[in-house]
């Protein structure tokens, strides 16, 4: 089988390239957008029975857009390249279920989808997630569970788990997720890809389901995901800036990942004082610190003292009403039974129910936490640390108390509102990806991504899953 003179093996190799490289091949007429889209659609069809990452394949519209792209000169930097979208982010003409109930089709794209389209990219699929995004696994009663492409007995993570699994298995080169407690970074880590939770307010959240609004916007942000850090950096440049709709989105452009990291002062830690990681995870973080030590101004083992408070503070801010607002939202959808991963979250939030004075106390604690974190960054330019305490979890176990506490490693930087990038830096003895998290001061995504780029090159970054998925060998 050949496509535009390329062998099937070459097409597999093309699918593993970055979006930037795929766009270059289209500009150089070495492959057409139609051929690239068709190849991704075949890969999705091959993968879906095993990993169940996709909620809707946009086959007809994607091919129609690809034909149009091939009929014109390449314009945007991502001309003719596909991307996928978490099923809580609106794409015109599709429904966004948020893993709960089917709604009416969106009349227009979410701002971030529109910005990728403006750069020439083509939506190819919507991806799976937990019910109403409240779980660290992607499983719901509508579409079922998403499996990790490196070991289908394990979760791809949540809530952007379908997105991470599809990208990791080369069903899409890049995509959009969202993150309130680790929902971009954890799936990226479990599936061995790159991603970033930007500073709160960096990207517009217009077109997200459930909609953005209220005080909770300080905790979460939509963010780009890809196999390669260079694509995450490019997406940040395309996505950043106010849209005149989301009042929390700032008019602050993003240019590129920091190229010269030699002057950075880096802190690292393996234990946040609340949830101790496995030795494999700890050693991967230490290895990343060692690699950086020859490249940056200084590397010191140090962590903000406030980290131990992060878990309780995130749960307080989400659970001040004991989870009642989320229960009411769920009931209003008329979706019937609630998935146990969501009800498990709500059971945990019940312990943090308080009154108005208690909520004011939570808010005061939040201010103190953010001030302490800002003070730490007076002495350091970046933090390198675990994303989670272990590799991808067995299905259904994320809600267990011992495992749930481990999510404090990402919650820490939702509470702080800081940018956190993720890049694969190693693997477990069983071949599961191990990533590290790189955190930077507010609005310094360039620093986090600059360090991530270095670590990707020094420690290999994304790797194909070994073995077979549905009879199709991943390279």
Protein backbone atom coordinates (compact mmCIF):
# COMPACT_ATOMS: atom_id res chain seq x y z
CA UNK A 1 0.00 0.00 0.00
CA UNK A 2 1.31 3.44 -0.84
CA UNK A 3 0.16 7.02 -0.42
CA UNK A 4 1.70 9.73 -2.61
CA UNK A 5 4.70 7.47 -3.19
CA UNK A 6 5.11 6.67 0.51
CA UNK A 7 5.11 3.13 1.88
CA UNK A 8 2.70 2.18 4.68
CA UNK A 9 5.63 2.11 7.07
CA UNK A 10 6.41 5.70 6.04
CA UNK A 11 2.81 6.71 6.71
CA UNK A 12 3.08 5.24 10.21
CA UNK A 13 6.22 7.30 10.67
CA UNK A 14 4.39 10.41 9.46
CA UNK A 15 1.62 9.81 12.00
CA UNK A 16 4.22 9.85 14.77
CA UNK A 17 5.69 13.20 13.68
CA UNK A 18 4.88 16.47 15.40
CA UNK A 19 2.06 18.58 14.03
CA UNK A 20 4.69 21.12 12.96
CA UNK A 21 6.46 18.46 10.86
CA UNK A 22 3.18 17.19 9.41
CA UNK A 23 2.31 20.73 8.35
CA UNK A 24 5.74 21.09 6.73
CA UNK A 25 5.14 17.95 4.64
CA UNK A 26 1.83 19.39 3.44
CA UNK A 27 3.44 22.73 2.54
CA UNK A 28 6.16 20.90 0.62
CA UNK A 29 3.51 18.83 -1.21
CA UNK A 30 5.04 15.59 0.04
CA UNK A 31 1.64 14.58 1.35
CA UNK A 32 -1.82 16.05 0.98
CA UNK A 33 -4.13 17.05 3.79
CA UNK A 34 -6.66 14.47 2.55
CA UNK A 35 -4.05 11.71 2.77
CA UNK A 36 -3.04 12.81 6.25
CA UNK A 37 -6.62 13.04 7.50
CA UNK A 38 -7.49 9.64 5.96
CA UNK A 39 -4.46 8.07 7.64
CA UNK A 40 -5.50 9.46 11.03
CA UNK A 41 -9.07 8.26 10.49
CA UNK A 42 -7.77 4.74 9.77
CA UNK A 43 -5.65 4.85 12.88
CA UNK A 44 -8.65 5.95 14.98
CA UNK A 45 -10.75 3.08 13.58
CA UNK A 46 -7.98 0.60 14.42
CA UNK A 47 -7.46 1.95 17.94
CA UNK A 48 -11.01 2.62 19.06
CA UNK A 49 -12.03 -0.96 19.93
CA UNK A 50 -9.06 -1.26 22.28
CA UNK A 51 -8.58 2.15 23.87
CA UNK A 52 -12.06 3.70 23.41
CA UNK A 53 -10.67 7.23 23.35
CA UNK A 54 -13.17 8.85 20.96
CA UNK A 55 -16.78 9.92 21.51
CA UNK A 56 -17.38 11.21 17.99
CA UNK A 57 -15.34 10.93 14.79
CA UNK A 58 -15.75 13.99 12.56
CA UNK A 59 -15.09 12.02 9.41
CA UNK A 60 -17.20 13.85 6.82
CA UNK A 61 -16.44 17.37 7.96
CA UNK A 62 -12.74 16.67 8.43
CA UNK A 63 -12.39 15.22 4.94
CA UNK A 64 -14.37 18.08 3.41
CA UNK A 65 -12.09 20.60 5.12
CA UNK A 66 -9.04 18.64 3.98
CA UNK A 67 -10.19 18.76 0.35
CA UNK A 68 -10.62 22.51 0.67
CA UNK A 69 -7.18 22.84 2.26
CA UNK A 70 -5.60 20.95 -0.63
CA UNK A 71 -7.28 23.28 -3.11
CA UNK A 72 -5.58 26.39 -1.76
CA UNK A 73 -2.11 27.60 -0.93
CA UNK A 74 -0.99 26.78 2.58
CA UNK A 75 -1.83 29.71 4.82
CA UNK A 76 -1.75 29.06 8.55
CA UNK A 77 1.14 27.30 10.28
CA UNK A 78 -1.00 24.19 10.84
CA UNK A 79 -2.55 24.12 7.36
CA UNK A 80 -4.29 20.79 6.77
CA UNK A 81 -3.21 19.12 10.03
CA UNK A 82 -5.83 17.40 12.25
CA UNK A 83 -6.48 18.00 15.94
CA UNK A 84 -8.80 16.45 18.52
CA UNK A 85 -10.97 18.08 21.16
CA UNK A 86 -12.07 16.98 24.63
CA UNK A 87 -15.82 16.37 24.68
CA UNK A 88 -16.42 19.34 26.96
CA UNK A 89 -15.18 21.90 24.43
CA UNK A 90 -17.56 23.01 21.71
CA UNK A 91 -16.98 22.33 18.04
CA UNK A 92 -19.60 23.84 15.71
CA UNK A 93 -22.11 21.24 14.55
CA UNK A 94 -21.22 18.71 17.26
CA UNK A 95 -22.57 18.01 20.72
CA UNK A 96 -20.50 18.35 23.88
CA UNK A 97 -21.73 15.75 26.36
CA UNK A 98 -19.23 16.35 29.19
CA UNK A 99 -19.75 12.62 29.74
CA UNK A 100 -23.27 13.14 31.02
CA UNK A 101 -26.07 13.74 28.53
CA UNK A 102 -26.26 14.63 24.86
CA UNK A 103 -26.99 18.31 24.36
CA UNK A 104 -27.99 20.14 21.20
CA UNK A 105 -25.27 20.74 18.65
CA UNK A 106 -23.09 23.81 19.18
CA UNK A 107 -23.72 26.68 16.78
CA UNK A 108 -20.14 27.90 16.92
CA UNK A 109 -16.67 26.81 17.95
CA UNK A 110 -15.15 27.43 21.34
CA UNK A 111 -12.62 30.25 21.10
CA UNK A 112 -9.64 27.89 21.24
CA UNK A 113 -11.07 25.64 18.53
CA UNK A 114 -11.69 28.67 16.32
CA UNK A 115 -8.10 29.84 16.82
CA UNK A 116 -6.68 26.47 15.77
CA UNK A 117 -8.95 26.48 12.72
CA UNK A 118 -7.68 29.97 11.87
CA UNK A 119 -4.16 28.49 11.80
CA UNK A 120 -5.37 25.92 9.26
CA UNK A 121 -5.91 22.95 11.59
CA UNK A 122 -8.87 20.59 11.14
CA UNK A 123 -10.97 19.05 13.97
CA UNK A 124 -11.02 15.27 13.54
CA UNK A 125 -12.55 13.84 16.74
CA UNK A 126 -14.13 14.55 20.12
CA UNK A 127 -12.57 12.59 22.97
CA UNK A 128 -13.74 10.81 26.10
CA UNK A 129 -13.80 12.06 29.69
CA UNK A 130 -15.48 11.32 33.05
CA UNK A 131 -18.99 12.47 33.88
CA UNK A 132 -19.00 16.27 34.28
CA UNK A 133 -15.16 16.08 34.27
CA UNK A 134 -15.04 15.10 37.96
CA UNK A 135 -12.72 12.11 38.07
CA UNK A 136 -9.10 11.19 37.48
CA UNK A 137 -10.24 8.42 35.12
CA UNK A 138 -12.15 8.81 31.85
CA UNK A 139 -15.23 6.65 32.28
CA UNK A 140 -18.94 7.43 31.97
CA UNK A 141 -22.26 5.71 31.34
CA UNK A 142 -22.59 7.02 27.77
CA UNK A 143 -19.30 5.99 26.19
CA UNK A 144 -17.67 3.71 28.76
CA UNK A 145 -14.06 3.80 29.86
CA UNK A 146 -10.91 4.85 28.04
CA UNK A 147 -7.93 2.50 28.31
CA UNK A 148 -4.27 3.40 28.50
CA UNK A 149 -2.56 2.51 25.19
CA UNK A 150 0.52 1.26 27.08
CA UNK A 151 -1.55 -1.18 29.16
CA UNK A 152 -5.27 -1.44 28.55
CA UNK A 153 -5.83 -2.76 32.08
CA UNK A 154 -4.93 0.74 33.31
CA UNK A 155 -6.59 4.11 33.02
CA UNK A 156 -5.45 6.84 30.66
CA UNK A 157 -6.28 9.30 33.45
CA UNK A 158 -8.82 12.07 33.66
CA UNK A 159 -10.44 14.20 32.96
CA UNK A 160 -8.72 14.68 29.56
CA UNK A 161 -7.98 10.95 29.31
CA UNK A 162 -9.46 10.28 25.89
CA UNK A 163 -7.44 13.15 24.52
CA UNK A 164 -4.18 11.87 25.99
CA UNK A 165 -4.77 8.27 24.88
CA UNK A 166 -5.64 9.23 21.30
CA UNK A 167 -2.62 11.51 20.94
CA UNK A 168 -0.25 8.97 22.52
CA UNK A 169 -1.39 6.29 20.08
CA UNK A 170 -1.02 8.59 17.04
CA UNK A 171 -4.74 8.98 16.36
CA UNK A 172 -4.23 12.75 16.56
CA UNK A 173 -1.06 14.85 16.72
CA UNK A 174 -2.43 17.42 19.16
CA UNK A 175 -5.56 18.50 20.98
CA UNK A 176 -7.34 20.51 23.64
CA UNK A 177 -8.04 19.56 27.24
CA UNK A 178 -8.93 21.33 30.48
CA UNK A 179 -7.50 21.14 33.99
CA UNK A 180 -9.02 21.97 37.40
CA UNK A 181 -7.02 19.57 39.60
CA UNK A 182 -4.62 17.96 37.13
CA UNK A 183 -6.92 17.02 34.24
CA UNK A 184 -4.45 17.91 31.47
CA UNK A 185 -1.25 16.99 33.30
CA UNK A 186 -2.26 13.63 34.80
CA UNK A 187 -3.54 12.04 31.56
CA UNK A 188 -0.51 13.45 29.72
CA UNK A 189 1.73 11.82 32.32
CA UNK A 190 -0.12 8.49 32.34
CA UNK A 191 0.03 8.34 28.52
CA UNK A 192 3.54 9.72 28.10
CA UNK A 193 2.75 12.85 26.09
CA UNK A 194 3.33 16.57 26.69
CA UNK A 195 0.85 19.17 27.90
CA UNK A 196 0.49 22.32 29.91
CA UNK A 197 -1.96 23.87 32.33
CA UNK A 198 -1.39 27.56 31.65
CA UNK A 199 -1.67 30.34 34.21
CA UNK A 200 -5.29 30.87 35.22
CA UNK A 201 -6.66 33.48 32.82
CA UNK A 202 -4.05 32.93 30.10
CA UNK A 203 -6.47 31.28 27.62
CA UNK A 204 -10.16 32.08 27.07
CA UNK A 205 -12.53 29.43 28.40
CA UNK A 206 -15.41 30.47 26.14
CA UNK A 207 -17.23 27.43 24.80
CA UNK A 208 -16.53 25.00 27.63
CA UNK A 209 -19.20 22.66 29.06
CA UNK A 210 -19.96 23.13 31.95
CA UNK A 211 -19.38 26.84 31.34
CA UNK A 212 -16.68 28.86 33.02
CA UNK A 213 -17.61 31.46 35.62
CA UNK A 214 -17.42 32.53 39.24
CA UNK A 215 -14.62 32.10 41.73
CA UNK A 216 -13.73 28.62 40.48
CA UNK A 217 -12.08 30.15 37.41
CA UNK A 218 -9.07 30.78 39.66
CA UNK A 219 -8.55 27.01 39.86
CA UNK A 220 -8.77 25.85 36.27
CA UNK A 221 -7.70 26.49 32.73
CA UNK A 222 -8.01 24.92 29.29
CA UNK A 223 -4.73 23.74 27.86
CA UNK A 224 -2.98 22.19 24.83
CA UNK A 225 -1.76 18.59 24.63
CA UNK A 226 0.55 16.93 22.09
CA UNK A 227 3.19 14.22 21.76
CA UNK A 228 5.91 16.83 21.26
CA UNK A 229 6.67 19.91 23.35
CA UNK A 230 7.27 22.05 20.25
CA UNK A 231 3.61 21.55 19.32
CA UNK A 232 2.42 22.55 22.80
CA UNK A 233 4.51 25.73 22.54
CA UNK A 234 3.12 26.55 19.10
CA UNK A 235 -0.43 25.95 20.27
CA UNK A 236 0.12 28.29 23.22
CA UNK A 237 1.17 31.03 20.79
CA UNK A 238 -1.95 30.47 18.68
CA UNK A 239 -4.35 30.21 21.63
CA UNK A 240 -3.24 32.94 24.05
CA UNK A 241 -5.01 36.26 24.45
CA UNK A 242 -8.39 37.70 25.41
CA UNK A 243 -11.44 37.03 23.25
CA UNK A 244 -13.79 39.75 24.50
CA UNK A 245 -16.16 37.15 25.96
CA UNK A 246 -14.37 35.46 28.85
CA UNK A 247 -13.83 38.33 31.33
CA UNK A 248 -11.00 36.48 33.08
CA UNK A 249 -8.85 36.02 29.96
CA UNK A 250 -6.01 38.54 29.80
CA UNK A 251 -4.75 40.30 26.68
CA UNK A 252 -1.24 38.89 27.06
CA UNK A 253 0.42 37.22 24.07
CA UNK A 254 2.67 34.19 24.25
CA UNK A 255 5.64 34.10 21.90
CA UNK A 256 7.67 30.92 22.29
CA UNK A 257 9.33 28.53 24.71
CA UNK A 258 12.40 29.96 26.39
CA UNK A 259 15.41 28.94 24.28
CA UNK A 260 18.21 29.88 26.69
CA UNK A 261 17.62 28.29 30.09
CA UNK A 262 21.20 28.77 31.29
CA UNK A 263 20.33 31.52 33.77
CA UNK A 264 17.49 29.70 35.46
CA UNK A 265 17.56 28.80 39.14
CA UNK A 266 15.66 25.54 39.50
CA UNK A 267 14.23 23.87 42.60
CA UNK A 268 13.21 20.23 42.62
CA UNK A 269 11.53 17.84 45.04
CA UNK A 270 10.21 14.30 45.05
CA UNK A 271 8.05 14.35 48.19
CA UNK A 272 5.52 17.13 48.84
CA UNK A 273 5.13 16.16 52.51
CA UNK A 274 1.66 14.77 51.90
CA UNK A 275 1.83 11.93 49.33
CA UNK A 276 5.15 10.16 48.83
CA UNK A 277 5.86 8.93 45.28
CA UNK A 278 7.20 5.53 44.31
CA UNK A 279 10.95 5.11 43.98
CA UNK A 280 10.61 4.89 40.18
CA UNK A 281 8.86 8.25 40.04
CA UNK A 282 11.27 9.82 42.53
CA UNK A 283 14.32 8.60 40.62
CA UNK A 284 12.91 9.98 37.35
CA UNK A 285 12.55 13.43 38.94
CA UNK A 286 16.08 13.19 40.34
CA UNK A 287 17.38 12.17 36.92
CA UNK A 288 15.68 15.21 35.37
CA UNK A 289 17.30 17.43 38.00
CA UNK A 290 20.71 15.89 37.25
CA UNK A 291 20.25 16.50 33.54
CA UNK A 292 19.32 20.12 34.19
CA UNK A 293 22.25 20.72 36.56
CA UNK A 294 24.70 20.96 33.66
CA UNK A 295 22.45 23.33 31.71
CA UNK A 296 21.00 25.88 34.17
CA UNK A 297 22.52 28.29 36.70
CA UNK A 298 21.62 26.17 39.73
CA UNK A 299 19.56 23.19 40.86
CA UNK A 300 18.59 22.84 44.51
CA UNK A 301 16.40 20.31 46.31
CA UNK A 302 13.76 22.52 47.89
CA UNK A 303 9.98 22.82 47.94
CA UNK A 304 7.44 25.43 49.11
CA UNK A 305 6.39 24.74 52.70
CA UNK A 306 2.75 25.38 51.79
CA UNK A 307 2.60 22.30 49.52
CA UNK A 308 1.37 20.08 52.33
CA UNK A 309 -1.78 22.25 52.54
CA UNK A 310 -2.61 22.05 48.82
CA UNK A 311 -4.86 18.98 48.89
CA UNK A 312 -7.12 20.20 51.69
CA UNK A 313 -7.28 23.68 50.19
CA UNK A 314 -8.34 22.46 46.75
CA UNK A 315 -11.00 20.25 48.34
CA UNK A 316 -12.20 23.13 50.53
CA UNK A 317 -12.57 25.44 47.55
CA UNK A 318 -14.44 22.83 45.50
CA UNK A 319 -16.44 21.52 48.46
CA UNK A 320 -17.48 24.55 50.48
CA UNK A 321 -21.11 23.63 49.71
CA UNK A 322 -20.46 19.92 50.20
CA UNK A 323 -20.85 19.40 46.45
CA UNK A 324 -24.49 20.55 46.36
CA UNK A 325 -24.07 22.83 43.34
CA UNK A 326 -22.66 19.94 41.31
CA UNK A 327 -25.46 17.63 42.47
CA UNK A 328 -28.02 20.24 41.42
CA UNK A 329 -26.34 20.73 38.04
CA UNK A 330 -26.36 16.98 37.47
CA UNK A 331 -30.01 16.69 38.48
CA UNK A 332 -30.93 19.57 36.16
CA UNK A 333 -29.49 17.69 33.20
CA UNK A 334 -31.96 14.87 33.72
CA UNK A 335 -29.23 12.32 33.08
CA UNK A 336 -30.49 9.91 35.74
CA UNK A 337 -28.00 7.78 37.65
CA UNK A 338 -24.68 9.26 38.63
CA UNK A 339 -21.43 7.52 37.78
CA UNK A 340 -19.66 6.16 40.91
CA UNK A 341 -16.47 8.09 40.11
CA UNK A 342 -18.47 11.34 40.28
CA UNK A 343 -20.43 10.31 43.38
CA UNK A 344 -17.14 9.28 44.99
CA UNK A 345 -15.82 12.80 44.44
CA UNK A 346 -18.97 14.28 45.95
CA UNK A 347 -18.70 12.01 48.99
CA UNK A 348 -15.19 13.35 49.60
CA UNK A 349 -16.35 16.97 49.19
CA UNK A 350 -19.02 16.48 51.88
CA UNK A 351 -16.30 16.58 54.53
CA UNK A 352 -15.46 20.16 53.52
CA UNK A 353 -19.00 21.59 53.77
CA UNK A 354 -19.03 24.90 55.62
CA UNK A 355 -21.02 28.10 56.16
CA UNK A 356 -20.46 31.61 54.82
CA UNK A 357 -17.90 32.45 57.50
CA UNK A 358 -16.14 29.17 56.82
CA UNK A 359 -15.98 29.97 53.12
CA UNK A 360 -14.42 33.33 53.96
CA UNK A 361 -11.85 31.46 56.03
CA UNK A 362 -11.16 29.18 53.05
CA UNK A 363 -10.67 32.23 50.85
CA UNK A 364 -8.26 33.79 53.36
CA UNK A 365 -6.30 30.53 53.43
CA UNK A 366 -6.24 30.57 49.62
CA UNK A 367 -4.75 34.07 49.61
CA UNK A 368 -2.07 33.05 52.11
CA UNK A 369 -1.20 29.97 50.07
CA UNK A 370 -0.76 31.97 46.87
CA UNK A 371 1.33 34.56 48.69
CA UNK A 372 3.62 31.86 50.09
CA UNK A 373 4.02 30.35 46.64
CA UNK A 374 4.85 33.76 45.18
CA UNK A 375 7.46 34.20 47.89
CA UNK A 376 9.10 30.90 46.94
CA UNK A 377 9.45 32.06 43.34
CA UNK A 378 11.41 35.11 44.43
CA UNK A 379 14.35 32.72 44.75
CA UNK A 380 13.65 30.25 41.94
CA UNK A 381 12.60 30.42 38.29
CA UNK A 382 11.13 26.94 38.02
CA UNK A 383 10.22 23.82 40.01
CA UNK A 384 10.71 20.28 38.74
CA UNK A 385 8.58 17.72 40.59
CA UNK A 386 6.33 14.66 40.27
CA UNK A 387 3.05 14.78 38.39
CA UNK A 388 1.70 11.91 40.45
CA UNK A 389 2.96 9.33 42.94
CA UNK A 390 3.01 6.41 40.49
CA UNK A 391 2.36 5.37 36.90
CA UNK A 392 -1.10 4.89 35.37
CA UNK A 393 -3.54 3.38 37.85
CA UNK A 394 -5.65 0.26 37.49
CA UNK A 395 -9.17 1.07 36.37
CA UNK A 396 -11.56 2.09 39.13
CA UNK A 397 -8.90 2.77 41.77
CA UNK A 398 -8.39 6.54 41.46
CA UNK A 399 -11.10 7.27 44.01
CA UNK A 400 -9.44 5.15 46.72
CA UNK A 401 -8.16 7.41 49.50
CA UNK A 402 -4.50 6.37 49.24
CA UNK A 403 -4.49 7.00 45.49
CA UNK A 404 -6.62 10.14 45.67
CA UNK A 405 -4.13 11.86 47.98
CA UNK A 406 -1.52 11.55 45.25
CA UNK A 407 -3.39 14.06 43.12
CA UNK A 408 -2.12 16.70 45.54
CA UNK A 409 0.97 16.96 43.32
CA UNK A 410 -1.06 18.64 40.57
CA UNK A 411 -3.68 20.27 42.80
CA UNK A 412 -0.88 22.34 44.35
CA UNK A 413 -0.54 24.43 41.21
CA UNK A 414 -4.25 24.73 40.43
CA UNK A 415 -4.63 26.32 43.85
CA UNK A 416 -1.65 28.57 43.10
CA UNK A 417 -2.92 29.40 39.59
CA UNK A 418 0.56 28.70 38.18
CA UNK A 419 1.54 27.23 34.81
CA UNK A 420 2.59 23.59 34.92
CA UNK A 421 4.00 21.66 31.96
CA UNK A 422 4.41 17.88 31.72
CA UNK A 423 6.91 15.86 29.68
CA UNK A 424 7.79 12.16 29.67
CA UNK A 425 11.24 11.52 31.14
CA UNK A 426 11.32 7.77 31.69
CA UNK A 427 9.42 4.53 32.05
CA UNK A 428 8.64 2.03 34.77
CA UNK A 429 10.02 -1.51 34.83
CA UNK A 430 6.74 -2.57 33.18
CA UNK A 431 7.05 0.00 30.39
CA UNK A 432 4.53 2.57 31.62
CA UNK A 433 5.46 6.22 31.02
CA UNK A 434 6.82 8.37 33.85
CA UNK A 435 6.64 12.15 33.42
CA UNK A 436 7.83 15.13 35.41
CA UNK A 437 6.04 18.40 36.06
CA UNK A 438 7.71 21.77 35.45
CA UNK A 439 6.12 24.73 37.24
CA UNK A 440 6.94 28.40 36.66
CA UNK A 441 5.80 31.78 38.01
CA UNK A 442 2.56 33.34 36.70
CA UNK A 443 2.57 34.10 32.95
CA UNK A 444 5.94 32.34 32.47
CA UNK A 445 4.76 29.43 30.38
CA UNK A 446 7.84 30.15 28.27
CA UNK A 447 10.03 29.03 31.19
CA UNK A 448 8.05 25.85 31.88
CA UNK A 449 8.06 24.90 28.20
CA UNK A 450 11.72 25.82 27.75
CA UNK A 451 12.69 23.42 30.53
CA UNK A 452 10.29 20.80 29.12
CA UNK A 453 11.93 21.11 25.69
CA UNK A 454 15.36 20.53 27.19
CA UNK A 455 14.20 17.50 29.19
CA UNK A 456 12.42 16.06 26.16
CA UNK A 457 15.70 16.16 24.22
CA UNK A 458 17.85 14.99 27.13
CA UNK A 459 15.54 12.18 28.29
CA UNK A 460 13.87 11.08 25.03
CA UNK A 461 10.29 12.30 25.54
CA UNK A 462 7.31 10.46 24.02
CA UNK A 463 7.78 6.85 22.91
CA UNK A 464 5.46 4.52 21.00
CA UNK A 465 3.56 2.00 23.07
CA UNK A 466 5.17 -1.42 22.74
CA UNK A 467 3.20 -4.40 21.48
CA UNK A 468 -0.10 -4.60 19.67
CA UNK A 469 -3.38 -2.74 19.86
CA UNK A 470 -6.21 -4.46 18.03
CA UNK A 471 -3.69 -6.26 15.88
CA UNK A 472 -1.99 -3.04 14.77
CA UNK A 473 1.63 -2.67 15.81
CA UNK A 474 2.57 0.70 17.18
CA UNK A 475 6.04 1.62 15.99
